mmCIF file of all heavy atoms, coordinates in Angstrom:
data_MODEL
# 
_entry.id   MODEL 
# 
loop_
_atom_site.group_PDB 
_atom_site.id 
_atom_site.type_symbol 
_atom_site.label_atom_id 
_atom_site.label_alt_id 
_atom_site.label_comp_id 
_atom_site.label_asym_id 
_atom_site.label_entity_id 
_atom_site.label_seq_id 
_atom_site.pdbx_PDB_ins_code 
_atom_site.Cartn_x 
_atom_site.Cartn_y 
_atom_site.Cartn_z 
_atom_site.occupancy 
_atom_site.B_iso_or_equiv 
_atom_site.pdbx_formal_charge 
_atom_site.auth_seq_id 
_atom_site.auth_comp_id 
_atom_site.auth_asym_id 
_atom_site.auth_atom_id 
_atom_site.pdbx_PDB_model_num 
ATOM 1   N N   . ALA A 1 1  ? 0.807   -1.275 -0.105 1.00 0.00 ? 1  ALA A N   1 
ATOM 2   C CA  . ALA A 1 1  ? -0.028  0.008  -0.055 1.00 0.00 ? 1  ALA A CA  1 
ATOM 3   C C   . ALA A 1 1  ? 0.864   1.302  -0.032 1.00 0.00 ? 1  ALA A C   1 
ATOM 4   O O   . ALA A 1 1  ? 0.379   2.275  -0.597 1.00 0.00 ? 1  ALA A O   1 
ATOM 5   C CB  . ALA A 1 1  ? -0.942  0.010  1.171  1.00 0.00 ? 1  ALA A CB  1 
ATOM 6   N N   . ASN A 1 2  ? 2.021   1.213  0.670  1.00 0.00 ? 2  ASN A N   1 
ATOM 7   C CA  . ASN A 1 2  ? 2.910   2.334  0.670  1.00 0.00 ? 2  ASN A CA  1 
ATOM 8   C C   . ASN A 1 2  ? 3.440   2.765  -0.636 1.00 0.00 ? 2  ASN A C   1 
ATOM 9   O O   . ASN A 1 2  ? 4.010   3.870  -0.828 1.00 0.00 ? 2  ASN A O   1 
ATOM 10  C CB  . ASN A 1 2  ? 4.102   2.160  1.694  1.00 0.00 ? 2  ASN A CB  1 
ATOM 11  C CG  . ASN A 1 2  ? 3.571   2.595  3.070  1.00 0.00 ? 2  ASN A CG  1 
ATOM 12  O OD1 . ASN A 1 2  ? 2.911   3.608  3.256  1.00 0.00 ? 2  ASN A OD1 1 
ATOM 13  N ND2 . ASN A 1 2  ? 3.949   1.697  4.021  1.00 0.00 ? 2  ASN A ND2 1 
ATOM 14  N N   . GLN A 1 3  ? 3.287   1.867  -1.762 1.00 0.00 ? 3  GLN A N   1 
ATOM 15  C CA  . GLN A 1 3  ? 3.724   2.216  -3.018 1.00 0.00 ? 3  GLN A CA  1 
ATOM 16  C C   . GLN A 1 3  ? 2.653   2.906  -3.948 1.00 0.00 ? 3  GLN A C   1 
ATOM 17  O O   . GLN A 1 3  ? 2.842   3.006  -5.076 1.00 0.00 ? 3  GLN A O   1 
ATOM 18  C CB  . GLN A 1 3  ? 4.249   0.881  -3.783 1.00 0.00 ? 3  GLN A CB  1 
ATOM 19  C CG  . GLN A 1 3  ? 5.329   0.197  -2.960 1.00 0.00 ? 3  GLN A CG  1 
ATOM 20  C CD  . GLN A 1 3  ? 5.525   -1.165 -3.510 1.00 0.00 ? 3  GLN A CD  1 
ATOM 21  O OE1 . GLN A 1 3  ? 5.050   -1.557 -4.574 1.00 0.00 ? 3  GLN A OE1 1 
ATOM 22  N NE2 . GLN A 1 3  ? 6.227   -1.980 -2.750 1.00 0.00 ? 3  GLN A NE2 1 
ATOM 23  N N   . GLU A 1 4  ? 1.413   3.094  -3.239 1.00 0.00 ? 4  GLU A N   1 
ATOM 24  C CA  . GLU A 1 4  ? 0.353   3.622  -4.121 1.00 0.00 ? 4  GLU A CA  1 
ATOM 25  C C   . GLU A 1 4  ? -0.375  4.847  -3.368 1.00 0.00 ? 4  GLU A C   1 
ATOM 26  O O   . GLU A 1 4  ? -0.165  5.021  -2.167 1.00 0.00 ? 4  GLU A O   1 
ATOM 27  C CB  . GLU A 1 4  ? -0.744  2.394  -4.147 1.00 0.00 ? 4  GLU A CB  1 
ATOM 28  C CG  . GLU A 1 4  ? -0.277  1.073  -4.572 1.00 0.00 ? 4  GLU A CG  1 
ATOM 29  C CD  . GLU A 1 4  ? -0.333  1.085  -6.142 1.00 0.00 ? 4  GLU A CD  1 
ATOM 30  O OE1 . GLU A 1 4  ? -0.666  2.026  -6.803 1.00 0.00 ? 4  GLU A OE1 1 
ATOM 31  O OE2 . GLU A 1 4  ? 0.161   -0.012 -6.699 1.00 0.00 ? 4  GLU A OE2 1 
ATOM 32  N N   . SER A 1 5  ? -1.159  5.470  -4.147 1.00 0.00 ? 5  SER A N   1 
ATOM 33  C CA  . SER A 1 5  ? -2.068  6.505  -3.659 1.00 0.00 ? 5  SER A CA  1 
ATOM 34  C C   . SER A 1 5  ? -3.375  5.568  -3.564 1.00 0.00 ? 5  SER A C   1 
ATOM 35  O O   . SER A 1 5  ? -3.818  4.990  -4.557 1.00 0.00 ? 5  SER A O   1 
ATOM 36  C CB  . SER A 1 5  ? -2.264  7.654  -4.627 1.00 0.00 ? 5  SER A CB  1 
ATOM 37  O OG  . SER A 1 5  ? -3.195  8.491  -4.247 1.00 0.00 ? 5  SER A OG  1 
ATOM 38  N N   . PHE A 1 6  ? -4.050  5.615  -2.448 1.00 0.00 ? 6  PHE A N   1 
ATOM 39  C CA  . PHE A 1 6  ? -5.178  4.693  -2.307 1.00 0.00 ? 6  PHE A CA  1 
ATOM 40  C C   . PHE A 1 6  ? -6.320  5.190  -1.419 1.00 0.00 ? 6  PHE A C   1 
ATOM 41  O O   . PHE A 1 6  ? -6.208  6.200  -0.763 1.00 0.00 ? 6  PHE A O   1 
ATOM 42  C CB  . PHE A 1 6  ? -4.663  3.389  -1.629 1.00 0.00 ? 6  PHE A CB  1 
ATOM 43  C CG  . PHE A 1 6  ? -4.012  3.484  -0.354 1.00 0.00 ? 6  PHE A CG  1 
ATOM 44  C CD1 . PHE A 1 6  ? -4.936  3.430  0.802  1.00 0.00 ? 6  PHE A CD1 1 
ATOM 45  C CD2 . PHE A 1 6  ? -2.720  3.828  -0.077 1.00 0.00 ? 6  PHE A CD2 1 
ATOM 46  C CE1 . PHE A 1 6  ? -4.345  3.569  2.161  1.00 0.00 ? 6  PHE A CE1 1 
ATOM 47  C CE2 . PHE A 1 6  ? -2.171  3.947  1.258  1.00 0.00 ? 6  PHE A CE2 1 
ATOM 48  C CZ  . PHE A 1 6  ? -3.085  3.791  2.320  1.00 0.00 ? 6  PHE A CZ  1 
ATOM 49  N N   . ILE A 1 7  ? -7.430  4.480  -1.639 1.00 0.00 ? 7  ILE A N   1 
ATOM 50  C CA  . ILE A 1 7  ? -8.646  4.716  -0.775 1.00 0.00 ? 7  ILE A CA  1 
ATOM 51  C C   . ILE A 1 7  ? -8.681  3.583  0.246  1.00 0.00 ? 7  ILE A C   1 
ATOM 52  O O   . ILE A 1 7  ? -8.491  2.373  -0.003 1.00 0.00 ? 7  ILE A O   1 
ATOM 53  C CB  . ILE A 1 7  ? -9.804  4.541  -1.618 1.00 0.00 ? 7  ILE A CB  1 
ATOM 54  C CG1 . ILE A 1 7  ? -9.749  5.694  -2.673 1.00 0.00 ? 7  ILE A CG1 1 
ATOM 55  C CG2 . ILE A 1 7  ? -11.137 4.581  -0.801 1.00 0.00 ? 7  ILE A CG2 1 
ATOM 56  C CD1 . ILE A 1 7  ? -10.861 5.402  -3.796 1.00 0.00 ? 7  ILE A CD1 1 
ATOM 57  N N   . ALA A 1 8  ? -8.675  3.930  1.509  1.00 0.00 ? 8  ALA A N   1 
ATOM 58  C CA  . ALA A 1 8  ? -8.651  2.998  2.587  1.00 0.00 ? 8  ALA A CA  1 
ATOM 59  C C   . ALA A 1 8  ? -10.137 2.644  2.945  1.00 0.00 ? 8  ALA A C   1 
ATOM 60  O O   . ALA A 1 8  ? -11.014 3.536  3.158  1.00 0.00 ? 8  ALA A O   1 
ATOM 61  C CB  . ALA A 1 8  ? -7.985  3.588  3.935  1.00 0.00 ? 8  ALA A CB  1 
ATOM 62  N N   . LEU A 1 9  ? -10.504 1.391  3.000  1.00 0.00 ? 9  LEU A N   1 
ATOM 63  C CA  . LEU A 1 9  ? -11.758 0.983  3.503  1.00 0.00 ? 9  LEU A CA  1 
ATOM 64  C C   . LEU A 1 9  ? -11.628 0.927  4.925  1.00 0.00 ? 9  LEU A C   1 
ATOM 65  O O   . LEU A 1 9  ? -10.885 0.048  5.484  1.00 0.00 ? 9  LEU A O   1 
ATOM 66  C CB  . LEU A 1 9  ? -12.136 -0.347 2.777  1.00 0.00 ? 9  LEU A CB  1 
ATOM 67  C CG  . LEU A 1 9  ? -12.367 -0.211 1.323  1.00 0.00 ? 9  LEU A CG  1 
ATOM 68  C CD1 . LEU A 1 9  ? -12.762 -1.517 0.744  1.00 0.00 ? 9  LEU A CD1 1 
ATOM 69  C CD2 . LEU A 1 9  ? -13.531 0.725  1.073  1.00 0.00 ? 9  LEU A CD2 1 
ATOM 70  N N   . ASP A 1 10 ? -12.332 1.779  5.716  1.00 0.00 ? 10 ASP A N   1 
ATOM 71  C CA  . ASP A 1 10 ? -12.165 1.902  7.107  1.00 0.00 ? 10 ASP A CA  1 
ATOM 72  C C   . ASP A 1 10 ? -13.559 2.153  7.689  1.00 0.00 ? 10 ASP A C   1 
ATOM 73  O O   . ASP A 1 10 ? -14.331 3.233  7.263  1.00 0.00 ? 10 ASP A O   1 
ATOM 74  C CB  . ASP A 1 10 ? -11.292 3.098  7.313  1.00 0.00 ? 10 ASP A CB  1 
ATOM 75  C CG  . ASP A 1 10 ? -11.108 3.486  8.757  1.00 0.00 ? 10 ASP A CG  1 
ATOM 76  O OD1 . ASP A 1 10 ? -11.351 2.583  9.735  1.00 0.00 ? 10 ASP A OD1 1 
ATOM 77  O OD2 . ASP A 1 10 ? -10.571 4.486  9.044  1.00 0.00 ? 10 ASP A OD2 1 
ATOM 78  N N   . PRO A 1 11 ? -13.934 1.385  8.692  1.00 0.00 ? 11 PRO A N   1 
ATOM 79  C CA  . PRO A 1 11 ? -15.353 1.600  9.378  1.00 0.00 ? 11 PRO A CA  1 
ATOM 80  C C   . PRO A 1 11 ? -15.498 3.013  9.871  1.00 0.00 ? 11 PRO A C   1 
ATOM 81  O O   . PRO A 1 11 ? -16.665 3.521  9.986  1.00 0.00 ? 11 PRO A O   1 
ATOM 82  C CB  . PRO A 1 11 ? -15.309 0.623  10.409 1.00 0.00 ? 11 PRO A CB  1 
ATOM 83  C CG  . PRO A 1 11 ? -14.346 -0.373 10.119 1.00 0.00 ? 11 PRO A CG  1 
ATOM 84  C CD  . PRO A 1 11 ? -13.305 0.306  9.353  1.00 0.00 ? 11 PRO A CD  1 
ATOM 85  N N   . LYS A 1 12 ? -14.357 3.750  10.224 1.00 0.00 ? 12 LYS A N   1 
ATOM 86  C CA  . LYS A 1 12 ? -14.501 5.138  10.708 1.00 0.00 ? 12 LYS A CA  1 
ATOM 87  C C   . LYS A 1 12 ? -14.322 6.080  9.542  1.00 0.00 ? 12 LYS A C   1 
ATOM 88  O O   . LYS A 1 12 ? -14.316 7.365  9.742  1.00 0.00 ? 12 LYS A O   1 
ATOM 89  C CB  . LYS A 1 12 ? -13.359 5.292  11.777 1.00 0.00 ? 12 LYS A CB  1 
ATOM 90  C CG  . LYS A 1 12 ? -13.673 4.421  12.970 1.00 0.00 ? 12 LYS A CG  1 
ATOM 91  C CD  . LYS A 1 12 ? -12.570 4.604  14.112 1.00 0.00 ? 12 LYS A CD  1 
ATOM 92  C CE  . LYS A 1 12 ? -12.913 3.696  15.250 1.00 0.00 ? 12 LYS A CE  1 
ATOM 93  N NZ  . LYS A 1 12 ? -11.785 3.555  16.046 1.00 0.00 ? 12 LYS A NZ  1 
ATOM 94  N N   . GLY A 1 13 ? -14.301 5.634  8.230  1.00 0.00 ? 13 GLY A N   1 
ATOM 95  C CA  . GLY A 1 13 ? -14.281 6.617  7.149  1.00 0.00 ? 13 GLY A CA  1 
ATOM 96  C C   . GLY A 1 13 ? -15.503 7.314  6.892  1.00 0.00 ? 13 GLY A C   1 
ATOM 97  O O   . GLY A 1 13 ? -16.534 7.137  7.665  1.00 0.00 ? 13 GLY A O   1 
ATOM 98  N N   . GLU A 1 14 ? -15.602 7.972  5.727  1.00 0.00 ? 14 GLU A N   1 
ATOM 99  C CA  . GLU A 1 14 ? -16.767 8.711  5.358  1.00 0.00 ? 14 GLU A CA  1 
ATOM 100 C C   . GLU A 1 14 ? -17.831 7.782  4.902  1.00 0.00 ? 14 GLU A C   1 
ATOM 101 O O   . GLU A 1 14 ? -17.562 6.901  4.086  1.00 0.00 ? 14 GLU A O   1 
ATOM 102 C CB  . GLU A 1 14 ? -16.344 9.758  4.281  1.00 0.00 ? 14 GLU A CB  1 
ATOM 103 C CG  . GLU A 1 14 ? -17.543 10.639 3.876  1.00 0.00 ? 14 GLU A CG  1 
ATOM 104 C CD  . GLU A 1 14 ? -17.182 11.702 2.796  1.00 0.00 ? 14 GLU A CD  1 
ATOM 105 O OE1 . GLU A 1 14 ? -15.963 11.901 2.624  1.00 0.00 ? 14 GLU A OE1 1 
ATOM 106 O OE2 . GLU A 1 14 ? -18.006 12.246 2.220  1.00 0.00 ? 14 GLU A OE2 1 
ATOM 107 N N   . LEU A 1 15 ? -19.078 7.913  5.429  1.00 0.00 ? 15 LEU A N   1 
ATOM 108 C CA  . LEU A 1 15 ? -20.165 7.120  4.952  1.00 0.00 ? 15 LEU A CA  1 
ATOM 109 C C   . LEU A 1 15 ? -20.865 7.967  3.701  1.00 0.00 ? 15 LEU A C   1 
ATOM 110 O O   . LEU A 1 15 ? -21.142 9.074  3.862  1.00 0.00 ? 15 LEU A O   1 
ATOM 111 C CB  . LEU A 1 15 ? -21.257 7.004  6.061  1.00 0.00 ? 15 LEU A CB  1 
ATOM 112 C CG  . LEU A 1 15 ? -20.995 5.994  7.141  1.00 0.00 ? 15 LEU A CG  1 
ATOM 113 C CD1 . LEU A 1 15 ? -21.943 6.236  8.282  1.00 0.00 ? 15 LEU A CD1 1 
ATOM 114 C CD2 . LEU A 1 15 ? -21.042 4.614  6.588  1.00 0.00 ? 15 LEU A CD2 1 
ATOM 115 N N   . LEU A 1 16 ? -21.108 7.215  2.710  1.00 0.00 ? 16 LEU A N   1 
ATOM 116 C CA  . LEU A 1 16 ? -21.693 7.719  1.494  1.00 0.00 ? 16 LEU A CA  1 
ATOM 117 C C   . LEU A 1 16 ? -22.973 6.934  1.094  1.00 0.00 ? 16 LEU A C   1 
ATOM 118 O O   . LEU A 1 16 ? -22.887 5.806  1.215  1.00 0.00 ? 16 LEU A O   1 
ATOM 119 C CB  . LEU A 1 16 ? -20.690 7.867  0.323  1.00 0.00 ? 16 LEU A CB  1 
ATOM 120 C CG  . LEU A 1 16 ? -19.465 8.638  0.483  1.00 0.00 ? 16 LEU A CG  1 
ATOM 121 C CD1 . LEU A 1 16 ? -18.445 8.423  -0.600 1.00 0.00 ? 16 LEU A CD1 1 
ATOM 122 C CD2 . LEU A 1 16 ? -19.816 10.130 0.531  1.00 0.00 ? 16 LEU A CD2 1 
ATOM 123 N N   . THR A 1 17 ? -23.852 7.697  0.381  1.00 0.00 ? 17 THR A N   1 
ATOM 124 C CA  . THR A 1 17 ? -24.905 6.919  -0.246 1.00 0.00 ? 17 THR A CA  1 
ATOM 125 C C   . THR A 1 17 ? -24.375 6.251  -1.427 1.00 0.00 ? 17 THR A C   1 
ATOM 126 O O   . THR A 1 17 ? -23.304 6.602  -1.989 1.00 0.00 ? 17 THR A O   1 
ATOM 127 C CB  . THR A 1 17 ? -26.108 7.844  -0.643 1.00 0.00 ? 17 THR A CB  1 
ATOM 128 O OG1 . THR A 1 17 ? -25.599 8.758  -1.632 1.00 0.00 ? 17 THR A OG1 1 
ATOM 129 C CG2 . THR A 1 17 ? -26.738 8.509  0.590  1.00 0.00 ? 17 THR A CG2 1 
ATOM 130 N N   . SER A 1 18 ? -25.104 5.326  -2.112 1.00 0.00 ? 18 SER A N   1 
ATOM 131 C CA  . SER A 1 18 ? -24.587 4.837  -3.315 1.00 0.00 ? 18 SER A CA  1 
ATOM 132 C C   . SER A 1 18 ? -24.417 5.946  -4.493 1.00 0.00 ? 18 SER A C   1 
ATOM 133 O O   . SER A 1 18 ? -23.420 5.966  -5.140 1.00 0.00 ? 18 SER A O   1 
ATOM 134 C CB  . SER A 1 18 ? -25.462 3.642  -3.827 1.00 0.00 ? 18 SER A CB  1 
ATOM 135 O OG  . SER A 1 18 ? -25.448 2.607  -2.951 1.00 0.00 ? 18 SER A OG  1 
ATOM 136 N N   . GLU A 1 19 ? -25.375 6.831  -4.447 1.00 0.00 ? 19 GLU A N   1 
ATOM 137 C CA  . GLU A 1 19 ? -25.311 7.960  -5.414 1.00 0.00 ? 19 GLU A CA  1 
ATOM 138 C C   . GLU A 1 19 ? -24.104 8.863  -5.101 1.00 0.00 ? 19 GLU A C   1 
ATOM 139 O O   . GLU A 1 19 ? -23.443 9.303  -6.060 1.00 0.00 ? 19 GLU A O   1 
ATOM 140 C CB  . GLU A 1 19 ? -26.631 8.912  -5.318 1.00 0.00 ? 19 GLU A CB  1 
ATOM 141 C CG  . GLU A 1 19 ? -27.811 8.105  -5.739 1.00 0.00 ? 19 GLU A CG  1 
ATOM 142 C CD  . GLU A 1 19 ? -28.482 7.308  -4.738 1.00 0.00 ? 19 GLU A CD  1 
ATOM 143 O OE1 . GLU A 1 19 ? -28.040 7.143  -3.598 1.00 0.00 ? 19 GLU A OE1 1 
ATOM 144 O OE2 . GLU A 1 19 ? -29.658 6.887  -4.993 1.00 0.00 ? 19 GLU A OE2 1 
ATOM 145 N N   . GLY A 1 20 ? -23.895 9.028  -3.792 1.00 0.00 ? 20 GLY A N   1 
ATOM 146 C CA  . GLY A 1 20 ? -22.773 9.901  -3.426 1.00 0.00 ? 20 GLY A CA  1 
ATOM 147 C C   . GLY A 1 20 ? -21.419 9.143  -3.846 1.00 0.00 ? 20 GLY A C   1 
ATOM 148 O O   . GLY A 1 20 ? -20.481 9.883  -4.226 1.00 0.00 ? 20 GLY A O   1 
ATOM 149 N N   . TRP A 1 21 ? -21.407 7.975  -3.628 1.00 0.00 ? 21 TRP A N   1 
ATOM 150 C CA  . TRP A 1 21 ? -20.185 7.191  -4.032 1.00 0.00 ? 21 TRP A CA  1 
ATOM 151 C C   . TRP A 1 21 ? -19.911 7.190  -5.468 1.00 0.00 ? 21 TRP A C   1 
ATOM 152 O O   . TRP A 1 21 ? -18.860 7.450  -5.977 1.00 0.00 ? 21 TRP A O   1 
ATOM 153 C CB  . TRP A 1 21 ? -20.162 5.737  -3.446 1.00 0.00 ? 21 TRP A CB  1 
ATOM 154 C CG  . TRP A 1 21 ? -19.063 4.935  -4.235 1.00 0.00 ? 21 TRP A CG  1 
ATOM 155 C CD1 . TRP A 1 21 ? -19.291 3.888  -5.055 1.00 0.00 ? 21 TRP A CD1 1 
ATOM 156 C CD2 . TRP A 1 21 ? -17.712 5.160  -4.122 1.00 0.00 ? 21 TRP A CD2 1 
ATOM 157 N NE1 . TRP A 1 21 ? -18.165 3.490  -5.504 1.00 0.00 ? 21 TRP A NE1 1 
ATOM 158 C CE2 . TRP A 1 21 ? -17.153 4.182  -4.992 1.00 0.00 ? 21 TRP A CE2 1 
ATOM 159 C CE3 . TRP A 1 21 ? -16.867 6.047  -3.525 1.00 0.00 ? 21 TRP A CE3 1 
ATOM 160 C CZ2 . TRP A 1 21 ? -15.722 4.142  -5.186 1.00 0.00 ? 21 TRP A CZ2 1 
ATOM 161 C CZ3 . TRP A 1 21 ? -15.424 6.075  -3.659 1.00 0.00 ? 21 TRP A CZ3 1 
ATOM 162 C CH2 . TRP A 1 21 ? -14.966 5.109  -4.435 1.00 0.00 ? 21 TRP A CH2 1 
ATOM 163 N N   . SER A 1 22 ? -21.058 7.147  -6.300 1.00 0.00 ? 22 SER A N   1 
ATOM 164 C CA  . SER A 1 22 ? -20.922 7.171  -7.625 1.00 0.00 ? 22 SER A CA  1 
ATOM 165 C C   . SER A 1 22 ? -20.290 8.475  -8.204 1.00 0.00 ? 22 SER A C   1 
ATOM 166 O O   . SER A 1 22 ? -19.439 8.464  -8.996 1.00 0.00 ? 22 SER A O   1 
ATOM 167 C CB  . SER A 1 22 ? -22.196 6.884  -8.360 1.00 0.00 ? 22 SER A CB  1 
ATOM 168 O OG  . SER A 1 22 ? -22.273 7.011  -9.771 1.00 0.00 ? 22 SER A OG  1 
ATOM 169 N N   . GLN A 1 23 ? -20.851 9.500  -7.635 1.00 0.00 ? 23 GLN A N   1 
ATOM 170 C CA  . GLN A 1 23 ? -20.285 10.821 -7.966 1.00 0.00 ? 23 GLN A CA  1 
ATOM 171 C C   . GLN A 1 23 ? -18.743 10.962 -7.562 1.00 0.00 ? 23 GLN A C   1 
ATOM 172 O O   . GLN A 1 23 ? -18.025 11.471 -8.326 1.00 0.00 ? 23 GLN A O   1 
ATOM 173 C CB  . GLN A 1 23 ? -21.048 12.013 -7.347 1.00 0.00 ? 23 GLN A CB  1 
ATOM 174 C CG  . GLN A 1 23 ? -22.478 12.070 -7.840 1.00 0.00 ? 23 GLN A CG  1 
ATOM 175 C CD  . GLN A 1 23 ? -23.414 13.044 -6.957 1.00 0.00 ? 23 GLN A CD  1 
ATOM 176 O OE1 . GLN A 1 23 ? -22.878 13.603 -5.963 1.00 0.00 ? 23 GLN A OE1 1 
ATOM 177 N NE2 . GLN A 1 23 ? -24.566 13.152 -7.379 1.00 0.00 ? 23 GLN A NE2 1 
ATOM 178 N N   . LYS A 1 24 ? -18.506 10.535 -6.353 1.00 0.00 ? 24 LYS A N   1 
ATOM 179 C CA  . LYS A 1 24 ? -17.086 10.587 -5.838 1.00 0.00 ? 24 LYS A CA  1 
ATOM 180 C C   . LYS A 1 24 ? -16.139 9.757  -6.663 1.00 0.00 ? 24 LYS A C   1 
ATOM 181 O O   . LYS A 1 24 ? -15.081 10.177 -7.077 1.00 0.00 ? 24 LYS A O   1 
ATOM 182 C CB  . LYS A 1 24 ? -16.952 10.065 -4.414 1.00 0.00 ? 24 LYS A CB  1 
ATOM 183 C CG  . LYS A 1 24 ? -15.674 10.152 -3.776 1.00 0.00 ? 24 LYS A CG  1 
ATOM 184 C CD  . LYS A 1 24 ? -15.658 11.058 -2.671 1.00 0.00 ? 24 LYS A CD  1 
ATOM 185 C CE  . LYS A 1 24 ? -14.282 11.246 -2.067 1.00 0.00 ? 24 LYS A CE  1 
ATOM 186 N NZ  . LYS A 1 24 ? -14.079 12.581 -1.604 1.00 0.00 ? 24 LYS A NZ  1 
# 
C-alpha cells in the first residue's frame, strides 16, 4: 500500500450513499 495512492476501506471513514459514492 505504501507504493500507491489509495482509498482506505475503514469503518471510521466517510459514509456515503450509493449515489454519493458514484459521484465521488
